[in-house]
Amino acid sequence: MSIKLIAADMDGTLLDSAKQLPEGLFPLIRALRRRGIRFAPASGRQYYTLYRQFGEIADELLYISENGAMVCDGAEIVSFEAMPAEEVCRAVELVRTLPGVYTVVSARDGGVYEDGDDPAFLKNMSMYCARHKGVPDLLEFVRHEPVCKVALFCEGRAEQVLLPAFAPFEGTSQVALSGADWVDLMRPGMSKGLAIGALCGRLQITPAECMAFGDYLNDLELLQAVGESYAMANAHASLKAVAKHFCPSNDEDGVCRTIRAVFGIDKS
C-alpha cells in the first residue's frame, strides 16, 4: 500500500466523546511524516480553530476546514472556495428580517459577525471560531470581502426557523443543518471530498494514495474520494455502506490504532 495522505474527520472520529485528541497522536503524526505521509484533520470547523488545537505540530499538518471550503498546508492557504458575493449579501439581508437569528461569515482571516449581537450567539460562535471579529456593518463587509461559508444561528430552533426561512436558497447554495442552533450555507457541491482533490494537486499524488476516516454523513464524499476508506464502528449506517474498511470507535482510539496496525508503527 502506497499511502501519501491520511485525512481524518474530527468529531466522532479522531476526537473521543469528551472532545479530546487521542494520546500519542502527535508522535504518530511525526512518525508518518518521516515515512513521507502527510496527515490532515478534516472538519467543518474553522481552520484557525483546528490550527490552535494541534499546538506544537500545527505547522506540520494539512487542513481540510469549513467542510472543504478552506484547505491549508500549515499556515499557507491552498484553496479558498468563495461563495458568490450576491448570495452572501442576500443571506445577510434576510437575517436582518428574522428576530433571534444571527450570522457569522467565514472569511480568509477568520469569522466575522456584526457588532452588538446576542450574548448567546457570541458564546456559541466563540466555541467554533478561534479567530473572530465584529464589524459595524456585516453587509458592507461581505460586499467587498470573499466568504466561503455563512453560518446562521438561532438558539435551539435551527430546524424550525432557519431551514424554512432559507429554503429558497437551496437552488443556489448548499443548505445544511449542522446542529440544534446552526444552519450553514456554502457553494453547491462543496465537500471534504472536493478538498482531497486540492490536496492531491498540492502533493502531486493520486486519490488512490489517500486514506480517510469518518463517522457521519458529511464524511461521505471524503470516503468516496480516497483509495482506502475507513468507517468508524460508531459511524452512521449509510457511511458504513460506502466504506472499504471498518475500524474501532472514536472512544477506542480507532484512528490511531488502525494507522499503527496498517503501517507497523509501535506506540511511543
C-alpha atoms as a PDB file:
ATOM      1  CA  MET A   1       0.000   0.000   0.000  1.00  0.00           C
ATOM      2  CA  SER A   2       1.475   3.330  -1.105  1.00  0.00           C
ATOM      3  CA  ILE A   3      -0.284   5.949   1.033  1.00  0.00           C
ATOM      4  CA  LYS A   4       0.922   9.557   0.972  1.00  0.00           C
ATOM      5  CA  LEU A   5      -2.005  11.328   2.678  1.00  0.00           C
ATOM      6  CA  ILE A   6      -4.260  10.403   5.618  1.00  0.00           C
ATOM      7  CA  ALA A   7      -7.338  12.541   6.336  1.00  0.00           C
ATOM      8  CA  ALA A   8      -9.464  12.128   9.462  1.00  0.00           C
ATOM      9  CA  ASP A   9     -12.725  13.768  10.457  1.00  0.00           C
ATOM     10  CA  MET A  10     -12.659  15.293  13.935  1.00  0.00           C
ATOM     11  CA  ASP A  11     -15.932  14.954  15.921  1.00  0.00           C
ATOM     12  CA  GLY A  12     -16.938  11.319  16.293  1.00  0.00           C
ATOM     13  CA  THR A  13     -13.790  10.125  14.525  1.00  0.00           C
ATOM     14  CA  LEU A  14     -10.434  11.437  15.759  1.00  0.00           C
ATOM     15  CA  LEU A  15     -11.845  13.103  18.901  1.00  0.00           C
ATOM     16  CA  ASP A  16     -13.332  10.958  21.659  1.00  0.00           C
ATOM     17  CA  SER A  17     -16.711  11.652  23.251  1.00  0.00           C
ATOM     18  CA  ALA A  18     -15.048  14.173  25.587  1.00  0.00           C
ATOM     19  CA  LYS A  19     -13.752  16.055  22.503  1.00  0.00           C
ATOM     20  CA  GLN A  20     -10.141  15.131  23.298  1.00  0.00           C
ATOM     21  CA  LEU A  21      -7.410  14.221  20.834  1.00  0.00           C
ATOM     22  CA  PRO A  22      -6.046  10.699  21.360  1.00  0.00           C
ATOM     23  CA  GLU A  23      -2.943  10.196  23.475  1.00  0.00           C
ATOM     24  CA  GLY A  24       0.107   9.579  21.320  1.00  0.00           C
ATOM     25  CA  LEU A  25      -1.330  11.267  18.218  1.00  0.00           C
ATOM     26  CA  PHE A  26       1.454  13.841  17.823  1.00  0.00           C
ATOM     27  CA  PRO A  27       4.331  11.295  17.879  1.00  0.00           C
ATOM     28  CA  LEU A  28       2.341   9.136  15.447  1.00  0.00           C
ATOM     29  CA  ILE A  29       1.894  12.024  13.013  1.00  0.00           C
ATOM     30  CA  ARG A  30       5.625  12.730  13.160  1.00  0.00           C
ATOM     31  CA  ALA A  31       6.400   9.043  12.562  1.00  0.00           C
ATOM     32  CA  LEU A  32       4.163   9.156   9.487  1.00  0.00           C
ATOM     33  CA  ARG A  33       5.892  12.304   8.222  1.00  0.00           C
ATOM     34  CA  ARG A  34       9.266  10.551   8.436  1.00  0.00           C
ATOM     35  CA  ARG A  35       7.802   7.960   6.068  1.00  0.00           C
ATOM     36  CA  GLY A  36       6.618  10.629   3.649  1.00  0.00           C
ATOM     37  CA  ILE A  37       2.960  10.502   4.728  1.00  0.00           C
ATOM     38  CA  ARG A  38       1.085  13.739   5.492  1.00  0.00           C
ATOM     39  CA  PHE A  39      -1.821  13.974   7.947  1.00  0.00           C
ATOM     40  CA  ALA A  40      -4.877  16.207   7.554  1.00  0.00           C
ATOM     41  CA  PRO A  41      -7.686  16.831  10.050  1.00  0.00           C
ATOM     42  CA  ALA A  42     -10.900  17.189   8.009  1.00  0.00           C
ATOM     43  CA  SER A  43     -13.658  19.166   9.673  1.00  0.00           C
ATOM     44  CA  GLY A  44     -16.497  21.622   9.371  1.00  0.00           C
ATOM     45  CA  ARG A  45     -14.644  23.676  11.961  1.00  0.00           C
ATOM     46  CA  GLN A  46     -12.767  26.866  11.237  1.00  0.00           C
ATOM     47  CA  TYR A  47      -9.153  26.463  10.099  1.00  0.00           C
ATOM     48  CA  TYR A  48      -7.843  28.692  12.897  1.00  0.00           C
ATOM     49  CA  THR A  49      -9.669  26.569  15.487  1.00  0.00           C
ATOM     50  CA  LEU A  50      -8.034  23.416  14.117  1.00  0.00           C
ATOM     51  CA  TYR A  51      -4.613  25.071  13.899  1.00  0.00           C
ATOM     52  CA  ARG A  52      -4.795  26.087  17.562  1.00  0.00           C
ATOM     53  CA  GLN A  53      -5.990  22.621  18.604  1.00  0.00           C
ATOM     54  CA  PHE A  54      -2.892  20.918  17.176  1.00  0.00           C
ATOM     55  CA  GLY A  55      -0.470  23.124  19.084  1.00  0.00           C
ATOM     56  CA  GLU A  56       3.169  22.148  18.692  1.00  0.00           C
ATOM     57  CA  ILE A  57       2.663  20.221  15.445  1.00  0.00           C
ATOM     58  CA  ALA A  58       0.253  22.693  13.813  1.00  0.00           C
ATOM     59  CA  ASP A  59       2.701  23.760  11.092  1.00  0.00           C
ATOM     60  CA  GLU A  60       3.353  20.128  10.119  1.00  0.00           C
ATOM     61  CA  LEU A  61      -0.251  19.367   9.146  1.00  0.00           C
ATOM     62  CA  LEU A  62      -2.505  19.817   6.172  1.00  0.00           C
ATOM     63  CA  TYR A  63      -6.020  21.089   6.955  1.00  0.00           C
ATOM     64  CA  ILE A  64      -9.418  20.482   5.418  1.00  0.00           C
ATOM     65  CA  SER A  65     -11.622  23.045   7.177  1.00  0.00           C
ATOM     66  CA  GLU A  66     -15.075  24.588   6.710  1.00  0.00           C
ATOM     67  CA  ASN A  67     -16.219  21.215   5.262  1.00  0.00           C
ATOM     68  CA  GLY A  68     -13.690  21.562   2.461  1.00  0.00           C
ATOM     69  CA  ALA A  69     -14.118  25.229   1.556  1.00  0.00           C
ATOM     70  CA  MET A  70     -10.738  26.231   3.026  1.00  0.00           C
ATOM     71  CA  VAL A  71      -7.690  23.990   2.616  1.00  0.00           C
ATOM     72  CA  CYS A  72      -4.307  24.828   4.151  1.00  0.00           C
ATOM     73  CA  ASP A  73      -0.765  23.493   4.366  1.00  0.00           C
ATOM     74  CA  GLY A  74       0.444  24.606   7.773  1.00  0.00           C
ATOM     75  CA  ALA A  75      -0.029  28.376   7.774  1.00  0.00           C
ATOM     76  CA  GLU A  76      -0.420  28.611   3.981  1.00  0.00           C
ATOM     77  CA  ILE A  77      -3.849  28.719   2.334  1.00  0.00           C
ATOM     78  CA  VAL A  78      -4.006  26.188  -0.525  1.00  0.00           C
ATOM     79  CA  SER A  79      -7.590  26.824  -1.631  1.00  0.00           C
ATOM     80  CA  PHE A  80     -10.488  29.038  -0.581  1.00  0.00           C
ATOM     81  CA  GLU A  81     -13.804  28.360  -2.298  1.00  0.00           C
ATOM     82  CA  ALA A  82     -15.726  31.621  -2.001  1.00  0.00           C
ATOM     83  CA  MET A  83     -19.482  31.890  -2.389  1.00  0.00           C
ATOM     84  CA  PRO A  84     -20.886  34.419  -4.882  1.00  0.00           C
ATOM     85  CA  ALA A  85     -20.949  37.809  -3.143  1.00  0.00           C
ATOM     86  CA  GLU A  86     -24.561  38.434  -4.116  1.00  0.00           C
ATOM     87  CA  GLU A  87     -25.611  35.178  -2.439  1.00  0.00           C
ATOM     88  CA  VAL A  88     -23.851  36.122   0.796  1.00  0.00           C
ATOM     89  CA  CYS A  89     -25.416  39.592   0.728  1.00  0.00           C
ATOM     90  CA  ARG A  90     -28.853  38.086   0.172  1.00  0.00           C
ATOM     91  CA  ALA A  91     -28.378  35.847   3.228  1.00  0.00           C
ATOM     92  CA  VAL A  92     -27.251  38.718   5.467  1.00  0.00           C
ATOM     93  CA  GLU A  93     -30.178  40.837   4.320  1.00  0.00           C
ATOM     94  CA  LEU A  94     -32.645  38.029   5.092  1.00  0.00           C
ATOM     95  CA  VAL A  95     -31.192  37.505   8.578  1.00  0.00           C
ATOM     96  CA  ARG A  96     -31.923  41.157   9.355  1.00  0.00           C
ATOM     97  CA  THR A  97     -35.631  40.427   8.932  1.00  0.00           C
ATOM     98  CA  LEU A  98     -35.643  37.388  11.258  1.00  0.00           C
ATOM     99  CA  PRO A  99     -35.875  38.006  15.048  1.00  0.00           C
ATOM    100  CA  GLY A 100     -33.451  35.932  17.104  1.00  0.00           C
ATOM    101  CA  VAL A 101     -31.287  34.968  14.107  1.00  0.00           C
ATOM    102  CA  TYR A 102     -27.591  35.903  13.840  1.00  0.00           C
ATOM    103  CA  THR A 103     -24.783  35.368  11.350  1.00  0.00           C
ATOM    104  CA  VAL A 104     -21.058  34.685  11.302  1.00  0.00           C
ATOM    105  CA  VAL A 105     -19.340  34.505   7.921  1.00  0.00           C
ATOM    106  CA  SER A 106     -16.094  32.647   7.221  1.00  0.00           C
ATOM    107  CA  ALA A 107     -13.501  34.899   5.574  1.00  0.00           C
ATOM    108  CA  ARG A 108      -9.856  34.080   4.877  1.00  0.00           C
ATOM    109  CA  ASP A 109      -8.758  35.702   8.140  1.00  0.00           C
ATOM    110  CA  GLY A 110     -11.452  34.156  10.366  1.00  0.00           C
ATOM    111  CA  GLY A 111     -15.067  34.545  11.399  1.00  0.00           C
ATOM    112  CA  VAL A 112     -16.788  37.932  11.064  1.00  0.00           C
ATOM    113  CA  TYR A 113     -20.055  38.997  12.696  1.00  0.00           C
ATOM    114  CA  GLU A 114     -21.918  42.233  13.350  1.00  0.00           C
ATOM    115  CA  ASP A 115     -21.034  44.211  16.486  1.00  0.00           C
ATOM    116  CA  GLY A 116     -23.555  44.108  19.321  1.00  0.00           C
ATOM    117  CA  ASP A 117     -25.019  40.700  18.552  1.00  0.00           C
ATOM    118  CA  ASP A 118     -26.742  38.479  21.127  1.00  0.00           C
ATOM    119  CA  PRO A 119     -24.645  37.074  24.051  1.00  0.00           C
ATOM    120  CA  ALA A 120     -25.890  33.508  23.438  1.00  0.00           C
ATOM    121  CA  PHE A 121     -24.805  33.750  19.808  1.00  0.00           C
ATOM    122  CA  LEU A 122     -21.417  35.204  20.743  1.00  0.00           C
ATOM    123  CA  LYS A 123     -20.799  32.433  23.265  1.00  0.00           C
ATOM    124  CA  ASN A 124     -21.685  29.679  20.782  1.00  0.00           C
ATOM    125  CA  MET A 125     -19.817  31.301  17.915  1.00  0.00           C
ATOM    126  CA  SER A 126     -16.662  31.641  20.020  1.00  0.00           C
ATOM    127  CA  MET A 127     -16.612  27.881  20.649  1.00  0.00           C
ATOM    128  CA  TYR A 128     -16.270  27.186  16.928  1.00  0.00           C
ATOM    129  CA  CYS A 129     -14.313  30.224  15.766  1.00  0.00           C
ATOM    130  CA  ALA A 130     -10.953  30.616  17.469  1.00  0.00           C
ATOM    131  CA  ARG A 131     -10.324  33.739  15.400  1.00  0.00           C
ATOM    132  CA  HIS A 132     -13.236  36.150  15.047  1.00  0.00           C
ATOM    133  CA  LYS A 133     -14.018  39.845  14.954  1.00  0.00           C
ATOM    134  CA  GLY A 134     -17.030  42.133  14.972  1.00  0.00           C
ATOM    135  CA  VAL A 135     -17.650  44.782  12.340  1.00  0.00           C
ATOM    136  CA  PRO A 136     -20.091  47.728  12.414  1.00  0.00           C
ATOM    137  CA  ASP A 137     -21.896  46.635   9.243  1.00  0.00           C
ATOM    138  CA  LEU A 138     -21.704  42.982   8.159  1.00  0.00           C
ATOM    139  CA  LEU A 139     -23.485  43.649   4.885  1.00  0.00           C
ATOM    140  CA  GLU A 140     -20.894  46.232   3.916  1.00  0.00           C
ATOM    141  CA  PHE A 141     -18.108  43.770   4.830  1.00  0.00           C
ATOM    142  CA  VAL A 142     -19.436  40.908   2.680  1.00  0.00           C
ATOM    143  CA  ARG A 143     -19.904  43.207  -0.310  1.00  0.00           C
ATOM    144  CA  HIS A 144     -16.124  43.566  -0.524  1.00  0.00           C
ATOM    145  CA  GLU A 145     -14.559  40.504   1.167  1.00  0.00           C
ATOM    146  CA  PRO A 146     -14.713  36.869  -0.092  1.00  0.00           C
ATOM    147  CA  VAL A 147     -16.680  34.485   2.144  1.00  0.00           C
ATOM    148  CA  CYS A 148     -16.623  30.670   1.924  1.00  0.00           C
ATOM    149  CA  LYS A 149     -19.397  29.882   4.435  1.00  0.00           C
ATOM    150  CA  VAL A 150     -22.344  31.647   6.030  1.00  0.00           C
ATOM    151  CA  ALA A 151     -23.225  30.163   9.435  1.00  0.00           C
ATOM    152  CA  LEU A 152     -26.704  31.061  10.696  1.00  0.00           C
ATOM    153  CA  PHE A 153     -27.602  30.877  14.400  1.00  0.00           C
ATOM    154  CA  CYS A 154     -30.994  30.555  16.068  1.00  0.00           C
ATOM    155  CA  GLU A 155     -30.735  29.182  19.593  1.00  0.00           C
ATOM    156  CA  GLY A 156     -32.425  25.778  19.813  1.00  0.00           C
ATOM    157  CA  ARG A 157     -34.573  26.404  16.732  1.00  0.00           C
ATOM    158  CA  ALA A 158     -32.366  25.986  13.680  1.00  0.00           C
ATOM    159  CA  GLU A 159     -34.522  23.281  12.126  1.00  0.00           C
ATOM    160  CA  GLN A 160     -37.818  25.026  12.892  1.00  0.00           C
ATOM    161  CA  VAL A 161     -36.802  28.591  11.969  1.00  0.00           C
ATOM    162  CA  LEU A 162     -33.718  28.591   9.767  1.00  0.00           C
ATOM    163  CA  LEU A 163     -34.416  25.719   7.388  1.00  0.00           C
ATOM    164  CA  PRO A 164     -37.821  27.064   6.304  1.00  0.00           C
ATOM    165  CA  ALA A 165     -36.530  30.638   6.059  1.00  0.00           C
ATOM    166  CA  PHE A 166     -33.582  29.641   3.874  1.00  0.00           C
ATOM    167  CA  ALA A 167     -35.380  27.041   1.754  1.00  0.00           C
ATOM    168  CA  PRO A 168     -35.361  29.493  -1.201  1.00  0.00           C
ATOM    169  CA  PHE A 169     -31.534  29.323  -1.144  1.00  0.00           C
ATOM    170  CA  GLU A 170     -31.445  25.586  -1.875  1.00  0.00           C
ATOM    171  CA  GLY A 171     -31.246  26.148  -5.624  1.00  0.00           C
ATOM    172  CA  THR A 172     -28.202  28.398  -5.375  1.00  0.00           C
ATOM    173  CA  SER A 173     -26.439  27.295  -2.169  1.00  0.00           C
ATOM    174  CA  GLN A 174     -25.761  24.146  -0.227  1.00  0.00           C
ATOM    175  CA  VAL A 175     -28.005  24.435   2.842  1.00  0.00           C
ATOM    176  CA  ALA A 176     -27.061  22.127   5.725  1.00  0.00           C
ATOM    177  CA  LEU A 177     -28.446  21.701   9.222  1.00  0.00           C
ATOM    178  CA  SER A 178     -25.326  21.454  11.394  1.00  0.00           C
ATOM    179  CA  GLY A 179     -26.826  21.286  14.887  1.00  0.00           C
ATOM    180  CA  ALA A 180     -29.743  22.372  17.024  1.00  0.00           C
ATOM    181  CA  ASP A 181     -28.639  26.019  16.729  1.00  0.00           C
ATOM    182  CA  TRP A 182     -26.938  26.248  13.339  1.00  0.00           C
ATOM    183  CA  VAL A 183     -27.535  26.077   9.591  1.00  0.00           C
ATOM    184  CA  ASP A 184     -24.640  26.510   7.129  1.00  0.00           C
ATOM    185  CA  LEU A 185     -24.713  27.933   3.612  1.00  0.00           C
ATOM    186  CA  MET A 186     -21.905  27.083   1.182  1.00  0.00           C
ATOM    187  CA  ARG A 187     -21.270  26.792  -2.529  1.00  0.00           C
ATOM    188  CA  PRO A 188     -23.179  23.902  -4.142  1.00  0.00           C
ATOM    189  CA  GLY A 189     -21.171  20.693  -4.244  1.00  0.00           C
ATOM    190  CA  MET A 190     -18.692  21.798  -1.589  1.00  0.00           C
ATOM    191  CA  SER A 191     -17.389  18.834   0.441  1.00  0.00           C
ATOM    192  CA  LYS A 192     -14.390  17.325   2.159  1.00  0.00           C
ATOM    193  CA  GLY A 193     -14.047  15.055  -0.860  1.00  0.00           C
ATOM    194  CA  LEU A 194     -13.544  18.051  -3.134  1.00  0.00           C
ATOM    195  CA  ALA A 195     -10.776  19.213  -0.784  1.00  0.00           C
ATOM    196  CA  ILE A 196      -8.982  15.880  -1.207  1.00  0.00           C
ATOM    197  CA  GLY A 197      -8.611  16.781  -4.864  1.00  0.00           C
ATOM    198  CA  ALA A 198      -6.984  20.091  -3.930  1.00  0.00           C
ATOM    199  CA  LEU A 199      -4.523  18.322  -1.640  1.00  0.00           C
ATOM    200  CA  CYS A 200      -3.729  15.681  -4.251  1.00  0.00           C
ATOM    201  CA  GLY A 201      -2.799  18.511  -6.600  1.00  0.00           C
ATOM    202  CA  ARG A 202      -0.702  20.141  -3.910  1.00  0.00           C
ATOM    203  CA  LEU A 203       1.199  16.926  -3.112  1.00  0.00           C
ATOM    204  CA  GLN A 204       1.249  15.627  -6.703  1.00  0.00           C
ATOM    205  CA  ILE A 205      -0.367  12.336  -5.699  1.00  0.00           C
ATOM    206  CA  THR A 206      -3.452  10.386  -6.785  1.00  0.00           C
ATOM    207  CA  PRO A 207      -6.638   9.650  -4.778  1.00  0.00           C
ATOM    208  CA  ALA A 208      -5.522   6.011  -4.671  1.00  0.00           C
ATOM    209  CA  GLU A 209      -2.620   7.157  -2.474  1.00  0.00           C
ATOM    210  CA  CYS A 210      -5.009   8.633   0.118  1.00  0.00           C
ATOM    211  CA  MET A 211      -6.620   7.132   3.229  1.00  0.00           C
ATOM    212  CA  ALA A 212      -9.535   8.642   5.143  1.00  0.00           C
ATOM    213  CA  PHE A 213     -11.575   8.062   8.307  1.00  0.00           C
ATOM    214  CA  GLY A 214     -15.089   9.284   9.059  1.00  0.00           C
ATOM    215  CA  ASP A 215     -18.242   8.698  11.053  1.00  0.00           C
ATOM    216  CA  TYR A 216     -21.125  10.788   9.707  1.00  0.00           C
ATOM    217  CA  LEU A 217     -22.896  11.834   6.520  1.00  0.00           C
ATOM    218  CA  ASN A 218     -20.734  14.907   5.901  1.00  0.00           C
ATOM    219  CA  ASP A 219     -17.837  12.438   5.534  1.00  0.00           C
ATOM    220  CA  LEU A 220     -19.497  10.564   2.675  1.00  0.00           C
ATOM    221  CA  GLU A 221     -17.696  12.400  -0.129  1.00  0.00           C
ATOM    222  CA  LEU A 222     -14.439  12.214   1.843  1.00  0.00           C
ATOM    223  CA  LEU A 223     -14.536   8.417   1.955  1.00  0.00           C
ATOM    224  CA  GLN A 224     -15.629   8.189  -1.665  1.00  0.00           C
ATOM    225  CA  ALA A 225     -12.697  10.360  -2.771  1.00  0.00           C
ATOM    226  CA  VAL A 226      -9.892   8.123  -1.459  1.00  0.00           C
ATOM    227  CA  GLY A 227      -8.440   4.724  -2.219  1.00  0.00           C
ATOM    228  CA  GLU A 228      -8.541   3.418   1.351  1.00  0.00           C
ATOM    229  CA  SER A 229     -11.671   4.443   3.269  1.00  0.00           C
ATOM    230  CA  TYR A 230     -12.489   3.588   6.888  1.00  0.00           C
ATOM    231  CA  ALA A 231     -15.804   3.970   8.709  1.00  0.00           C
ATOM    232  CA  MET A 232     -15.675   4.104  12.494  1.00  0.00           C
ATOM    233  CA  ALA A 233     -17.525   1.455  14.499  1.00  0.00           C
ATOM    234  CA  ASN A 234     -19.776   4.284  15.693  1.00  0.00           C
ATOM    235  CA  ALA A 235     -20.404   5.520  12.134  1.00  0.00           C
ATOM    236  CA  HIS A 236     -23.771   6.150  10.516  1.00  0.00           C
ATOM    237  CA  ALA A 237     -25.062   3.090   8.628  1.00  0.00           C
ATOM    238  CA  SER A 238     -25.033   4.966   5.318  1.00  0.00           C
ATOM    239  CA  LEU A 239     -21.329   5.726   5.741  1.00  0.00           C
ATOM    240  CA  LYS A 240     -20.535   2.115   6.577  1.00  0.00           C
ATOM    241  CA  ALA A 241     -22.266   1.137   3.336  1.00  0.00           C
ATOM    242  CA  VAL A 242     -19.680   3.000   1.213  1.00  0.00           C
ATOM    243  CA  ALA A 243     -16.530   2.376   3.292  1.00  0.00           C
ATOM    244  CA  LYS A 244     -13.929  -0.121   2.134  1.00  0.00           C
ATOM    245  CA  HIS A 245     -12.854  -0.905   5.710  1.00  0.00           C
ATOM    246  CA  PHE A 246     -14.046  -0.568   9.305  1.00  0.00           C
ATOM    247  CA  CYS A 247     -12.141   0.358  12.444  1.00  0.00           C
ATOM    248  CA  PRO A 248     -12.779   0.645  16.204  1.00  0.00           C
ATOM    249  CA  SER A 249     -14.826   3.554  17.530  1.00  0.00           C
ATOM    250  CA  ASN A 250     -13.605   7.044  18.363  1.00  0.00           C
ATOM    251  CA  ASP A 251     -13.699   6.142  22.076  1.00  0.00           C
ATOM    252  CA  GLU A 252     -11.448   3.147  21.371  1.00  0.00           C
ATOM    253  CA  ASP A 253      -8.752   5.246  19.638  1.00  0.00           C
ATOM    254  CA  GLY A 254      -9.809   3.686  16.351  1.00  0.00           C
ATOM    255  CA  VAL A 255      -7.951   6.033  14.014  1.00  0.00           C
ATOM    256  CA  CYS A 256      -4.554   5.774  15.688  1.00  0.00           C
ATOM    257  CA  ARG A 257      -4.853   2.036  16.348  1.00  0.00           C
ATOM    258  CA  THR A 258      -5.669   1.396  12.711  1.00  0.00           C
ATOM    259  CA  ILE A 259      -2.856   3.575  11.399  1.00  0.00           C
ATOM    260  CA  ARG A 260      -0.330   1.861  13.665  1.00  0.00           C
ATOM    261  CA  ALA A 261      -1.531  -1.583  12.560  1.00  0.00           C
ATOM    262  CA  VAL A 262      -1.552  -0.745   8.834  1.00  0.00           C
ATOM    263  CA  PHE A 263       1.903   0.867   8.813  1.00  0.00           C
ATOM    264  CA  GLY A 264       3.564  -1.222  11.534  1.00  0.00           C
ATOM    265  CA  ILE A 265       4.258   1.730  13.842  1.00  0.00           C
ATOM    266  CA  ASP A 266       4.752   0.951  17.546  1.00  0.00           C
ATOM    267  CA  LYS A 267       3.029   3.148  20.106  1.00  0.00           C
ATOM    268  CA  SER A 268       5.543   5.594  21.568  1.00  0.00           C
END
